[in-house]
Amino acid sequence: MSTDNFKITIDYVAKRAGVSKTTISRFLNGRFEYMSDATRENIKKVIDELNYRPNNLARSLKLNRSNLIGVLVSDIGNHFSSILVKGIEKVCKENGYNLIIASTDNDSLKEREYILSLLDNNVDGLIVNTAGGNDDFLMDLSKKGLPIVLADRSIKDTVFDTVVVNNYEVTSELILHLIKNGYNRIGFFTEKIGDISTRTERKQAFLDVCREYRINDSNLIFEVDDDLSKIEENIVSMMEDGRKSRTAVFAVNGVVLLDVLKVIDKLKLKIPDDVAVCGYDDWGWASLIPPGITTISQPTYEVGVESAKRLLNRIRGGDEIKPKKLVLKAELVVRGSTRSH
């Protein structure tokens, strides 16, 4: 068989080496840390035997510009993600960049796999709404010179430009609003918290304010995900245990808030006479549900815009600038669902 270079494809090299095209791509880009020594040696042997000399794939990520930006969102089904991506897309399109978007479903393993796949597509940088649990992995990528910006969610160290909202402060403001309106039994309903910074910050604000004002005689934090039966069980339990109390429910985000409202409607509870309801994300429908749902309105679109601006600045040579965390202001929108009696 002829081994003229122009007749040999990466697919053929992968077949001869008994590995995937993705693995060959990683080898050619010098990302050996994700393969065993045996695999690495085998690939090298096959490439030498075939006299395969790649061109673009052998170039470094930095020198081979693709004008592609990788965007990882934690949950594409969450309206927050679509608004975030709109902000990112606006800035990128204006500057000649296209997006490759992946949804991780808040799964740290899936996030790592998608990032590696995006690198194989030679993206010029990443905007990550991280699932949590990948701090060391992300920091390792940063050390290799890949421009990365974190959107909405942060990690333990400020090694990347990060754009977030004032989660702790505005959550504290909302819980204090409930207390001042006479609510003395407040439940915190959330999806799994894990290492997700936004949920951790909101939870801590909730705990701190309740502790300061001696609200709740137990830790009323419920990880319910999208399980409506679990939400119902916890709301019923709160109502029964606090018959002489004024009960309120705080939802960690818009997805949980909508699920909470579905359950309250099923239970035929009156808002706010039987239970007050409030939560994060002001998605339009909150003002339409009688008597109007108190929410925290966060500047999601602006988070996307600022994240994209910072990433493009890094790609264009802003490596010497120390990474910074930009905190945008979310606002409390008070409506009838938390009014005082």
C-alpha atoms as a PDB file:
ATOM      1  CA  MET A   1       0.000   0.000   0.000  1.00  0.00           C
ATOM      2  CA  SER A   2       1.223   3.513  -0.780  1.00  0.00           C
ATOM      3  CA  THR A   3       2.034   5.666   2.196  1.00  0.00           C
ATOM      4  CA  ASP A   4       2.068   9.010   0.391  1.00  0.00           C
ATOM      5  CA  ASN A   5       1.128  11.573   3.018  1.00  0.00           C
ATOM      6  CA  PHE A   6      -1.801  13.114   1.133  1.00  0.00           C
ATOM      7  CA  LYS A   7      -3.566   9.752   0.900  1.00  0.00           C
ATOM      8  CA  ILE A   8      -3.463   9.033   4.610  1.00  0.00           C
ATOM      9  CA  THR A   9      -6.281  10.423   6.764  1.00  0.00           C
ATOM     10  CA  ILE A  10      -6.603  10.765  10.513  1.00  0.00           C
ATOM     11  CA  ASP A  11      -9.423   8.195  10.337  1.00  0.00           C
ATOM     12  CA  TYR A  12      -7.048   5.669   8.803  1.00  0.00           C
ATOM     13  CA  VAL A  13      -4.404   6.365  11.460  1.00  0.00           C
ATOM     14  CA  ALA A  14      -7.017   5.857  14.178  1.00  0.00           C
ATOM     15  CA  LYS A  15      -8.138   2.559  12.644  1.00  0.00           C
ATOM     16  CA  ARG A  16      -4.571   1.256  12.400  1.00  0.00           C
ATOM     17  CA  ALA A  17      -3.850   2.284  16.016  1.00  0.00           C
ATOM     18  CA  GLY A  18      -7.115   0.803  17.282  1.00  0.00           C
ATOM     19  CA  VAL A  19      -8.229   4.047  18.944  1.00  0.00           C
ATOM     20  CA  SER A  20     -10.726   6.811  18.252  1.00  0.00           C
ATOM     21  CA  LYS A  21     -10.173   9.783  15.991  1.00  0.00           C
ATOM     22  CA  THR A  22     -10.523  11.947  19.102  1.00  0.00           C
ATOM     23  CA  THR A  23      -7.599  10.168  20.772  1.00  0.00           C
ATOM     24  CA  ILE A  24      -5.414  10.703  17.693  1.00  0.00           C
ATOM     25  CA  SER A  25      -6.386  14.376  17.712  1.00  0.00           C
ATOM     26  CA  ARG A  26      -5.371  14.709  21.363  1.00  0.00           C
ATOM     27  CA  PHE A  27      -2.041  13.029  20.642  1.00  0.00           C
ATOM     28  CA  LEU A  28      -1.316  15.360  17.737  1.00  0.00           C
ATOM     29  CA  ASN A  29      -2.082  18.392  19.917  1.00  0.00           C
ATOM     30  CA  GLY A  30       0.252  17.169  22.658  1.00  0.00           C
ATOM     31  CA  ARG A  31      -2.458  16.376  25.216  1.00  0.00           C
ATOM     32  CA  PHE A  32      -0.882  13.160  26.439  1.00  0.00           C
ATOM     33  CA  GLU A  33      -2.180  13.425  30.004  1.00  0.00           C
ATOM     34  CA  TYR A  34      -5.497  11.897  29.004  1.00  0.00           C
ATOM     35  CA  MET A  35      -4.060   8.634  27.651  1.00  0.00           C
ATOM     36  CA  SER A  36      -1.912   5.783  28.956  1.00  0.00           C
ATOM     37  CA  ASP A  37       1.786   5.454  28.107  1.00  0.00           C
ATOM     38  CA  ALA A  38       1.007   2.279  26.147  1.00  0.00           C
ATOM     39  CA  THR A  39      -1.581   4.060  23.997  1.00  0.00           C
ATOM     40  CA  ARG A  40       0.767   6.946  23.427  1.00  0.00           C
ATOM     41  CA  GLU A  41       3.607   4.677  22.304  1.00  0.00           C
ATOM     42  CA  ASN A  42       1.304   2.698  20.031  1.00  0.00           C
ATOM     43  CA  ILE A  43       0.030   5.833  18.300  1.00  0.00           C
ATOM     44  CA  LYS A  44       3.571   7.116  17.828  1.00  0.00           C
ATOM     45  CA  LYS A  45       4.625   3.799  16.307  1.00  0.00           C
ATOM     46  CA  VAL A  46       1.702   3.796  13.825  1.00  0.00           C
ATOM     47  CA  ILE A  47       2.322   7.423  12.803  1.00  0.00           C
ATOM     48  CA  ASP A  48       6.012   6.660  12.222  1.00  0.00           C
ATOM     49  CA  GLU A  49       5.221   3.534  10.203  1.00  0.00           C
ATOM     50  CA  LEU A  50       2.771   5.425   7.998  1.00  0.00           C
ATOM     51  CA  ASN A  51       5.033   8.458   7.754  1.00  0.00           C
ATOM     52  CA  TYR A  52       1.983  10.529   8.644  1.00  0.00           C
ATOM     53  CA  ARG A  53       2.798  14.226   8.876  1.00  0.00           C
ATOM     54  CA  PRO A  54      -0.286  16.278   9.837  1.00  0.00           C
ATOM     55  CA  ASN A  55      -0.490  19.970   9.215  1.00  0.00           C
ATOM     56  CA  ASN A  56      -3.164  21.965  11.042  1.00  0.00           C
ATOM     57  CA  LEU A  57      -3.773  19.371  13.732  1.00  0.00           C
ATOM     58  CA  ALA A  58      -0.118  19.528  14.748  1.00  0.00           C
ATOM     59  CA  ARG A  59      -0.282  23.240  15.364  1.00  0.00           C
ATOM     60  CA  SER A  60      -0.838  24.476  18.853  1.00  0.00           C
ATOM     61  CA  LEU A  61      -4.284  25.614  19.965  1.00  0.00           C
ATOM     62  CA  LYS A  62      -3.094  29.190  20.272  1.00  0.00           C
ATOM     63  CA  LEU A  63      -1.585  29.467  16.789  1.00  0.00           C
ATOM     64  CA  ASN A  64      -4.353  27.714  14.924  1.00  0.00           C
ATOM     65  CA  ARG A  65      -7.265  30.132  15.334  1.00  0.00           C
ATOM     66  CA  SER A  66     -10.663  28.741  14.489  1.00  0.00           C
ATOM     67  CA  ASN A  67     -12.865  31.707  15.453  1.00  0.00           C
ATOM     68  CA  LEU A  68     -14.911  29.220  17.458  1.00  0.00           C
ATOM     69  CA  ILE A  69     -15.875  29.720  21.103  1.00  0.00           C
ATOM     70  CA  GLY A  70     -16.934  26.763  23.236  1.00  0.00           C
ATOM     71  CA  VAL A  71     -19.828  27.486  25.619  1.00  0.00           C
ATOM     72  CA  LEU A  72     -20.783  25.015  28.340  1.00  0.00           C
ATOM     73  CA  VAL A  73     -24.043  25.573  30.177  1.00  0.00           C
ATOM     74  CA  SER A  74     -25.188  23.527  33.143  1.00  0.00           C
ATOM     75  CA  ASP A  75     -28.751  22.907  31.942  1.00  0.00           C
ATOM     76  CA  ILE A  76     -29.977  23.907  28.492  1.00  0.00           C
ATOM     77  CA  GLY A  77     -33.561  23.248  29.632  1.00  0.00           C
ATOM     78  CA  ASN A  78     -33.277  26.047  32.176  1.00  0.00           C
ATOM     79  CA  HIS A  79     -34.459  29.386  30.761  1.00  0.00           C
ATOM     80  CA  PHE A  80     -31.454  30.976  32.488  1.00  0.00           C
ATOM     81  CA  SER A  81     -29.118  29.161  30.066  1.00  0.00           C
ATOM     82  CA  SER A  82     -30.850  30.421  26.917  1.00  0.00           C
ATOM     83  CA  ILE A  83     -30.712  34.017  28.157  1.00  0.00           C
ATOM     84  CA  LEU A  84     -27.045  33.608  29.102  1.00  0.00           C
ATOM     85  CA  VAL A  85     -26.183  32.206  25.650  1.00  0.00           C
ATOM     86  CA  LYS A  86     -28.028  35.073  23.929  1.00  0.00           C
ATOM     87  CA  GLY A  87     -25.766  37.558  25.680  1.00  0.00           C
ATOM     88  CA  ILE A  88     -22.648  35.582  24.765  1.00  0.00           C
ATOM     89  CA  GLU A  89     -23.749  35.180  21.150  1.00  0.00           C
ATOM     90  CA  LYS A  90     -24.379  38.885  20.664  1.00  0.00           C
ATOM     91  CA  VAL A  91     -20.805  39.843  21.536  1.00  0.00           C
ATOM     92  CA  CYS A  92     -19.206  36.925  19.708  1.00  0.00           C
ATOM     93  CA  LYS A  93     -21.155  37.482  16.487  1.00  0.00           C
ATOM     94  CA  GLU A  94     -20.255  41.169  16.489  1.00  0.00           C
ATOM     95  CA  ASN A  95     -16.602  40.151  16.661  1.00  0.00           C
ATOM     96  CA  GLY A  96     -16.628  37.408  14.031  1.00  0.00           C
ATOM     97  CA  TYR A  97     -16.813  34.376  16.337  1.00  0.00           C
ATOM     98  CA  ASN A  98     -19.209  31.448  16.231  1.00  0.00           C
ATOM     99  CA  LEU A  99     -20.340  29.300  19.159  1.00  0.00           C
ATOM    100  CA  ILE A 100     -20.309  25.577  19.866  1.00  0.00           C
ATOM    101  CA  ILE A 101     -22.718  24.978  22.747  1.00  0.00           C
ATOM    102  CA  ALA A 102     -22.870  21.969  25.061  1.00  0.00           C
ATOM    103  CA  SER A 103     -25.167  21.247  28.015  1.00  0.00           C
ATOM    104  CA  THR A 104     -23.671  19.278  30.892  1.00  0.00           C
ATOM    105  CA  ASP A 105     -26.849  18.559  32.891  1.00  0.00           C
ATOM    106  CA  ASN A 106     -24.901  19.608  36.001  1.00  0.00           C
ATOM    107  CA  ASP A 107     -22.715  16.511  35.564  1.00  0.00           C
ATOM    108  CA  SER A 108     -19.006  17.102  36.254  1.00  0.00           C
ATOM    109  CA  LEU A 109     -17.903  14.055  34.230  1.00  0.00           C
ATOM    110  CA  LYS A 110     -19.969  15.142  31.244  1.00  0.00           C
ATOM    111  CA  GLU A 111     -18.460  18.617  31.592  1.00  0.00           C
ATOM    112  CA  ARG A 112     -14.917  17.220  31.332  1.00  0.00           C
ATOM    113  CA  GLU A 113     -15.839  15.088  28.316  1.00  0.00           C
ATOM    114  CA  TYR A 114     -17.441  18.017  26.525  1.00  0.00           C
ATOM    115  CA  ILE A 115     -14.466  20.256  27.217  1.00  0.00           C
ATOM    116  CA  LEU A 116     -12.096  17.689  25.707  1.00  0.00           C
ATOM    117  CA  SER A 117     -14.385  17.389  22.693  1.00  0.00           C
ATOM    118  CA  LEU A 118     -14.436  21.163  22.265  1.00  0.00           C
ATOM    119  CA  LEU A 119     -10.649  21.241  22.401  1.00  0.00           C
ATOM    120  CA  ASP A 120     -10.605  18.661  19.614  1.00  0.00           C
ATOM    121  CA  ASN A 121     -12.641  21.168  17.595  1.00  0.00           C
ATOM    122  CA  ASN A 122      -9.817  23.640  18.177  1.00  0.00           C
ATOM    123  CA  VAL A 123     -11.916  26.284  19.946  1.00  0.00           C
ATOM    124  CA  ASP A 124     -10.105  29.520  20.711  1.00  0.00           C
ATOM    125  CA  GLY A 125     -11.496  29.701  24.248  1.00  0.00           C
ATOM    126  CA  LEU A 126     -14.194  28.517  26.622  1.00  0.00           C
ATOM    127  CA  ILE A 127     -17.018  30.141  28.567  1.00  0.00           C
ATOM    128  CA  VAL A 128     -18.055  27.742  31.310  1.00  0.00           C
ATOM    129  CA  ASN A 129     -21.161  27.755  33.491  1.00  0.00           C
ATOM    130  CA  THR A 130     -19.570  25.001  35.525  1.00  0.00           C
ATOM    131  CA  ALA A 131     -21.310  21.983  36.996  1.00  0.00           C
ATOM    132  CA  GLY A 132     -18.898  22.080  39.950  1.00  0.00           C
ATOM    133  CA  GLY A 133     -16.339  19.505  40.992  1.00  0.00           C
ATOM    134  CA  ASN A 134     -13.906  20.287  38.168  1.00  0.00           C
ATOM    135  CA  ASP A 135     -11.793  23.023  39.764  1.00  0.00           C
ATOM    136  CA  ASP A 136      -8.443  21.232  39.377  1.00  0.00           C
ATOM    137  CA  PHE A 137      -9.257  20.128  35.830  1.00  0.00           C
ATOM    138  CA  LEU A 138     -10.145  23.674  34.761  1.00  0.00           C
ATOM    139  CA  MET A 139      -7.080  25.160  36.448  1.00  0.00           C
ATOM    140  CA  ASP A 140      -4.890  22.621  34.666  1.00  0.00           C
ATOM    141  CA  LEU A 141      -6.317  23.725  31.312  1.00  0.00           C
ATOM    142  CA  SER A 142      -5.638  27.339  32.210  1.00  0.00           C
ATOM    143  CA  LYS A 143      -1.971  26.533  32.883  1.00  0.00           C
ATOM    144  CA  LYS A 144      -1.745  25.187  29.330  1.00  0.00           C
ATOM    145  CA  GLY A 145      -2.694  28.594  27.957  1.00  0.00           C
ATOM    146  CA  LEU A 146      -6.350  28.017  27.105  1.00  0.00           C
ATOM    147  CA  PRO A 147      -8.424  31.200  27.646  1.00  0.00           C
ATOM    148  CA  ILE A 148     -11.337  30.412  29.977  1.00  0.00           C
ATOM    149  CA  VAL A 149     -14.022  32.611  31.542  1.00  0.00           C
ATOM    150  CA  LEU A 150     -16.492  31.397  34.154  1.00  0.00           C
ATOM    151  CA  ALA A 151     -20.079  32.617  33.797  1.00  0.00           C
ATOM    152  CA  ASP A 152     -22.459  32.833  36.786  1.00  0.00           C
ATOM    153  CA  ARG A 153     -20.664  30.125  38.788  1.00  0.00           C
ATOM    154  CA  SER A 154     -17.223  30.462  40.322  1.00  0.00           C
ATOM    155  CA  ILE A 155     -14.567  28.092  41.668  1.00  0.00           C
ATOM    156  CA  LYS A 156     -12.500  28.192  44.858  1.00  0.00           C
ATOM    157  CA  ASP A 157      -9.668  30.344  43.445  1.00  0.00           C
ATOM    158  CA  THR A 158      -9.848  33.380  41.166  1.00  0.00           C
ATOM    159  CA  VAL A 159      -7.617  31.982  38.429  1.00  0.00           C
ATOM    160  CA  PHE A 160     -10.086  32.919  35.685  1.00  0.00           C
ATOM    161  CA  ASP A 161     -12.055  36.005  34.799  1.00  0.00           C
ATOM    162  CA  THR A 162     -15.405  35.295  36.439  1.00  0.00           C
ATOM    163  CA  VAL A 163     -18.746  37.068  35.996  1.00  0.00           C
ATOM    164  CA  VAL A 164     -21.319  36.486  38.746  1.00  0.00           C
ATOM    165  CA  VAL A 165     -24.177  38.211  40.553  1.00  0.00           C
ATOM    166  CA  ASN A 166     -24.395  39.261  44.204  1.00  0.00           C
ATOM    167  CA  ASN A 167     -26.035  36.010  45.326  1.00  0.00           C
ATOM    168  CA  TYR A 168     -25.307  36.284  49.033  1.00  0.00           C
ATOM    169  CA  GLU A 169     -26.361  39.916  49.446  1.00  0.00           C
ATOM    170  CA  VAL A 170     -29.622  39.762  47.489  1.00  0.00           C
ATOM    171  CA  THR A 171     -30.670  36.437  49.031  1.00  0.00           C
ATOM    172  CA  SER A 172     -30.062  37.941  52.472  1.00  0.00           C
ATOM    173  CA  GLU A 173     -32.245  40.881  51.477  1.00  0.00           C
ATOM    174  CA  LEU A 174     -35.106  38.583  50.463  1.00  0.00           C
ATOM    175  CA  ILE A 175     -34.976  36.428  53.601  1.00  0.00           C
ATOM    176  CA  LEU A 176     -34.895  39.567  55.749  1.00  0.00           C
ATOM    177  CA  HIS A 177     -37.931  40.854  53.820  1.00  0.00           C
ATOM    178  CA  LEU A 178     -39.816  37.660  54.752  1.00  0.00           C
ATOM    179  CA  ILE A 179     -38.864  37.970  58.407  1.00  0.00           C
ATOM    180  CA  LYS A 180     -39.909  41.627  58.590  1.00  0.00           C
ATOM    181  CA  ASN A 181     -43.267  40.672  57.087  1.00  0.00           C
ATOM    182  CA  GLY A 182     -43.858  38.234  59.918  1.00  0.00           C
ATOM    183  CA  TYR A 183     -42.808  34.899  58.394  1.00  0.00           C
ATOM    184  CA  ASN A 184     -41.132  32.808  61.076  1.00  0.00           C
ATOM    185  CA  ARG A 185     -40.941  29.415  59.370  1.00  0.00           C
ATOM    186  CA  ILE A 186     -39.022  29.540  56.088  1.00  0.00           C
ATOM    187  CA  GLY A 187     -38.095  26.601  53.874  1.00  0.00           C
ATOM    188  CA  PHE A 188     -35.220  26.636  51.390  1.00  0.00           C
ATOM    189  CA  PHE A 189     -36.042  24.473  48.348  1.00  0.00           C
ATOM    190  CA  THR A 190     -33.175  23.658  46.006  1.00  0.00           C
ATOM    191  CA  GLU A 191     -31.794  21.291  43.438  1.00  0.00           C
ATOM    192  CA  LYS A 192     -28.755  19.321  44.603  1.00  0.00           C
ATOM    193  CA  ILE A 193     -26.268  21.863  45.943  1.00  0.00           C
ATOM    194  CA  GLY A 194     -22.988  19.936  45.597  1.00  0.00           C
ATOM    195  CA  ASP A 195     -20.084  22.191  44.594  1.00  0.00           C
ATOM    196  CA  ILE A 196     -22.255  24.689  42.719  1.00  0.00           C
ATOM    197  CA  SER A 197     -21.236  28.118  43.977  1.00  0.00           C
ATOM    198  CA  THR A 198     -24.522  29.939  43.316  1.00  0.00           C
ATOM    199  CA  ARG A 199     -26.568  27.464  45.361  1.00  0.00           C
ATOM    200  CA  THR A 200     -23.944  27.352  48.103  1.00  0.00           C
ATOM    201  CA  GLU A 201     -23.930  31.153  48.425  1.00  0.00           C
ATOM    202  CA  ARG A 202     -27.738  31.368  48.511  1.00  0.00           C
ATOM    203  CA  LYS A 203     -27.922  28.594  51.085  1.00  0.00           C
ATOM    204  CA  GLN A 204     -25.328  30.314  53.295  1.00  0.00           C
ATOM    205  CA  ALA A 205     -27.182  33.627  53.137  1.00  0.00           C
ATOM    206  CA  PHE A 206     -30.402  31.846  54.106  1.00  0.00           C
ATOM    207  CA  LEU A 207     -28.750  30.137  57.081  1.00  0.00           C
ATOM    208  CA  ASP A 208     -26.965  33.263  58.276  1.00  0.00           C
ATOM    209  CA  VAL A 209     -30.052  35.495  58.262  1.00  0.00           C
ATOM    210  CA  CYS A 210     -32.257  32.830  59.884  1.00  0.00           C
ATOM    211  CA  ARG A 211     -29.640  32.298  62.588  1.00  0.00           C
ATOM    212  CA  GLU A 212     -29.245  36.019  63.258  1.00  0.00           C
ATOM    213  CA  TYR A 213     -32.992  36.534  63.668  1.00  0.00           C
ATOM    214  CA  ARG A 214     -33.608  33.161  65.355  1.00  0.00           C
ATOM    215  CA  ILE A 215     -35.951  31.960  62.653  1.00  0.00           C
ATOM    216  CA  ASN A 216     -36.667  28.208  62.220  1.00  0.00           C
ATOM    217  CA  ASP A 217     -36.212  25.668  64.968  1.00  0.00           C
ATOM    218  CA  SER A 218     -34.649  23.206  62.538  1.00  0.00           C
ATOM    219  CA  ASN A 219     -32.650  23.203  59.321  1.00  0.00           C
ATOM    220  CA  LEU A 220     -35.381  23.573  56.687  1.00  0.00           C
ATOM    221  CA  ILE A 221     -33.213  23.004  53.613  1.00  0.00           C
ATOM    222  CA  PHE A 222     -34.716  20.564  51.113  1.00  0.00           C
ATOM    223  CA  GLU A 223     -32.859  19.193  48.084  1.00  0.00           C
ATOM    224  CA  VAL A 224     -35.772  18.310  45.824  1.00  0.00           C
ATOM    225  CA  ASP A 225     -34.375  18.484  42.267  1.00  0.00           C
ATOM    226  CA  ASP A 226     -37.361  18.055  39.903  1.00  0.00           C
ATOM    227  CA  ASP A 227     -39.230  15.617  42.158  1.00  0.00           C
ATOM    228  CA  LEU A 228     -42.702  17.097  42.647  1.00  0.00           C
ATOM    229  CA  SER A 229     -43.664  14.404  45.149  1.00  0.00           C
ATOM    230  CA  LYS A 230     -40.680  15.325  47.316  1.00  0.00           C
ATOM    231  CA  ILE A 231     -41.624  19.004  47.137  1.00  0.00           C
ATOM    232  CA  GLU A 232     -45.188  18.142  48.129  1.00  0.00           C
ATOM    233  CA  GLU A 233     -44.031  15.983  51.030  1.00  0.00           C
ATOM    234  CA  ASN A 234     -41.814  18.739  52.418  1.00  0.00           C
ATOM    235  CA  ILE A 235     -44.369  21.529  52.032  1.00  0.00           C
ATOM    236  CA  VAL A 236     -47.063  19.436  53.741  1.00  0.00           C
ATOM    237  CA  SER A 237     -44.627  18.621  56.549  1.00  0.00           C
ATOM    238  CA  MET A 238     -43.754  22.299  56.998  1.00  0.00           C
ATOM    239  CA  MET A 239     -47.411  23.274  57.151  1.00  0.00           C
ATOM    240  CA  GLU A 240     -48.289  20.575  59.682  1.00  0.00           C
ATOM    241  CA  ASP A 241     -45.308  21.243  61.937  1.00  0.00           C
ATOM    242  CA  GLY A 242     -45.843  24.984  61.878  1.00  0.00           C
ATOM    243  CA  ARG A 243     -49.578  25.375  62.374  1.00  0.00           C
ATOM    244  CA  LYS A 244     -49.016  28.345  64.672  1.00  0.00           C
ATOM    245  CA  SER A 245     -46.314  29.800  62.442  1.00  0.00           C
ATOM    246  CA  ARG A 246     -46.379  31.888  59.295  1.00  0.00           C
ATOM    247  CA  THR A 247     -44.792  29.737  56.621  1.00  0.00           C
ATOM    248  CA  ALA A 248     -42.812  30.815  53.566  1.00  0.00           C
ATOM    249  CA  VAL A 249     -41.037  28.916  50.796  1.00  0.00           C
ATOM    250  CA  PHE A 250     -37.910  30.195  49.051  1.00  0.00           C
ATOM    251  CA  ALA A 251     -36.909  28.506  45.754  1.00  0.00           C
ATOM    252  CA  VAL A 252     -33.244  28.514  44.749  1.00  0.00           C
ATOM    253  CA  ASN A 253     -33.959  29.212  41.051  1.00  0.00           C
ATOM    254  CA  GLY A 254     -36.726  29.611  38.502  1.00  0.00           C
ATOM    255  CA  VAL A 255     -36.996  25.895  37.744  1.00  0.00           C
ATOM    256  CA  VAL A 256     -37.592  25.014  41.403  1.00  0.00           C
ATOM    257  CA  LEU A 257     -39.910  28.004  41.838  1.00  0.00           C
ATOM    258  CA  LEU A 258     -42.175  26.808  39.024  1.00  0.00           C
ATOM    259  CA  ASP A 259     -42.260  23.288  40.503  1.00  0.00           C
ATOM    260  CA  VAL A 260     -43.128  24.710  43.928  1.00  0.00           C
ATOM    261  CA  LEU A 261     -46.009  26.679  42.416  1.00  0.00           C
ATOM    262  CA  LYS A 262     -47.338  23.546  40.694  1.00  0.00           C
ATOM    263  CA  VAL A 263     -47.400  21.714  44.025  1.00  0.00           C
ATOM    264  CA  ILE A 264     -49.028  24.607  45.884  1.00  0.00           C
ATOM    265  CA  ASP A 265     -51.739  24.719  43.234  1.00  0.00           C
ATOM    266  CA  LYS A 266     -52.267  20.958  43.587  1.00  0.00           C
ATOM    267  CA  LEU A 267     -52.563  21.300  47.373  1.00  0.00           C
ATOM    268  CA  LYS A 268     -55.017  24.191  46.883  1.00  0.00           C
ATOM    269  CA  LEU A 269     -53.032  26.419  49.225  1.00  0.00           C
ATOM    270  CA  LYS A 270     -53.653  30.150  49.030  1.00  0.00           C
ATOM    271  CA  ILE A 271     -50.726  32.507  48.421  1.00  0.00           C
ATOM    272  CA  PRO A 272     -49.804  34.231  50.715  1.00  0.00           C
ATOM    273  CA  ASP A 273     -52.635  33.466  53.184  1.00  0.00           C
ATOM    274  CA  ASP A 274     -51.577  29.845  53.671  1.00  0.00           C
ATOM    275  CA  VAL A 275     -47.969  30.073  52.514  1.00  0.00           C
ATOM    276  CA  ALA A 276     -45.735  32.793  51.102  1.00  0.00           C
ATOM    277  CA  VAL A 277     -43.726  31.952  47.977  1.00  0.00           C
ATOM    278  CA  CYS A 278     -40.629  33.582  46.521  1.00  0.00           C
ATOM    279  CA  GLY A 279     -37.449  32.686  44.703  1.00  0.00           C
ATOM    280  CA  TYR A 280     -34.733  33.423  42.204  1.00  0.00           C
ATOM    281  CA  ASP A 281     -35.281  34.373  38.530  1.00  0.00           C
ATOM    282  CA  ASP A 282     -37.899  36.829  37.293  1.00  0.00           C
ATOM    283  CA  TRP A 283     -38.971  35.205  34.025  1.00  0.00           C
ATOM    284  CA  GLY A 284     -42.075  37.174  33.141  1.00  0.00           C
ATOM    285  CA  TRP A 285     -44.677  34.654  34.266  1.00  0.00           C
ATOM    286  CA  ALA A 286     -43.908  35.470  37.915  1.00  0.00           C
ATOM    287  CA  SER A 287     -45.770  38.767  37.621  1.00  0.00           C
ATOM    288  CA  LEU A 288     -48.767  37.075  35.943  1.00  0.00           C
ATOM    289  CA  ILE A 289     -49.471  34.450  38.619  1.00  0.00           C
ATOM    290  CA  PRO A 290     -51.849  35.943  41.207  1.00  0.00           C
ATOM    291  CA  PRO A 291     -51.066  37.702  43.479  1.00  0.00           C
ATOM    292  CA  GLY A 292     -47.710  38.222  41.741  1.00  0.00           C
ATOM    293  CA  ILE A 293     -44.658  36.214  42.843  1.00  0.00           C
ATOM    294  CA  THR A 294     -41.824  37.942  44.682  1.00  0.00           C
ATOM    295  CA  THR A 295     -38.570  37.165  42.877  1.00  0.00           C
ATOM    296  CA  ILE A 296     -34.941  38.081  42.575  1.00  0.00           C
ATOM    297  CA  SER A 297     -34.279  39.479  39.107  1.00  0.00           C
ATOM    298  CA  GLN A 298     -30.746  38.765  38.009  1.00  0.00           C
ATOM    299  CA  PRO A 299     -28.971  40.332  34.994  1.00  0.00           C
ATOM    300  CA  THR A 300     -28.480  37.029  33.165  1.00  0.00           C
ATOM    301  CA  TYR A 301     -28.110  38.544  29.692  1.00  0.00           C
ATOM    302  CA  GLU A 302     -25.491  40.965  30.996  1.00  0.00           C
ATOM    303  CA  VAL A 303     -23.570  38.082  32.587  1.00  0.00           C
ATOM    304  CA  GLY A 304     -23.341  36.549  29.111  1.00  0.00           C
ATOM    305  CA  VAL A 305     -22.275  39.814  27.494  1.00  0.00           C
ATOM    306  CA  GLU A 306     -19.546  40.525  30.053  1.00  0.00           C
ATOM    307  CA  SER A 307     -18.279  36.935  29.964  1.00  0.00           C
ATOM    308  CA  ALA A 308     -17.866  37.090  26.185  1.00  0.00           C
ATOM    309  CA  LYS A 309     -16.109  40.464  26.326  1.00  0.00           C
ATOM    310  CA  ARG A 310     -13.598  39.161  28.831  1.00  0.00           C
ATOM    311  CA  LEU A 311     -12.912  35.988  26.891  1.00  0.00           C
ATOM    312  CA  LEU A 312     -12.288  37.841  23.616  1.00  0.00           C
ATOM    313  CA  ASN A 313      -9.923  40.159  25.460  1.00  0.00           C
ATOM    314  CA  ARG A 314      -7.947  37.131  26.677  1.00  0.00           C
ATOM    315  CA  ILE A 315      -7.866  35.576  23.208  1.00  0.00           C
ATOM    316  CA  ARG A 316      -6.521  38.813  21.742  1.00  0.00           C
ATOM    317  CA  GLY A 317      -3.564  38.858  24.068  1.00  0.00           C
ATOM    318  CA  GLY A 318      -4.751  39.980  27.470  1.00  0.00           C
ATOM    319  CA  ASP A 319      -2.743  37.269  29.252  1.00  0.00           C
ATOM    320  CA  GLU A 320      -0.770  39.745  31.335  1.00  0.00           C
ATOM    321  CA  ILE A 321      -3.900  41.086  33.062  1.00  0.00           C
ATOM    322  CA  LYS A 322      -4.635  39.507  36.425  1.00  0.00           C
ATOM    323  CA  PRO A 323      -7.936  37.570  36.443  1.00  0.00           C
ATOM    324  CA  LYS A 324     -10.798  39.410  38.119  1.00  0.00           C
ATOM    325  CA  LYS A 325     -14.245  38.597  39.445  1.00  0.00           C
ATOM    326  CA  LEU A 326     -16.959  40.952  38.207  1.00  0.00           C
ATOM    327  CA  VAL A 327     -20.034  41.023  40.445  1.00  0.00           C
ATOM    328  CA  LEU A 328     -23.223  42.290  38.792  1.00  0.00           C
ATOM    329  CA  LYS A 329     -26.203  43.398  40.853  1.00  0.00           C
ATOM    330  CA  ALA A 330     -29.372  41.334  41.091  1.00  0.00           C
ATOM    331  CA  GLU A 331     -32.475  43.069  42.449  1.00  0.00           C
ATOM    332  CA  LEU A 332     -35.336  42.056  44.719  1.00  0.00           C
ATOM    333  CA  VAL A 333     -38.765  42.478  43.082  1.00  0.00           C
ATOM    334  CA  VAL A 334     -41.435  42.426  45.804  1.00  0.00           C
ATOM    335  CA  ARG A 335     -44.954  41.344  44.825  1.00  0.00           C
ATOM    336  CA  GLY A 336     -48.068  40.131  46.588  1.00  0.00           C
ATOM    337  CA  SER A 337     -46.887  36.557  47.293  1.00  0.00           C
ATOM    338  CA  THR A 338     -44.918  37.704  50.354  1.00  0.00           C
ATOM    339  CA  ARG A 339     -47.098  40.517  51.655  1.00  0.00           C
ATOM    340  CA  SER A 340     -47.735  40.897  55.372  1.00  0.00           C
ATOM    341  CA  HIS A 341     -51.225  40.114  56.713  1.00  0.00           C
END
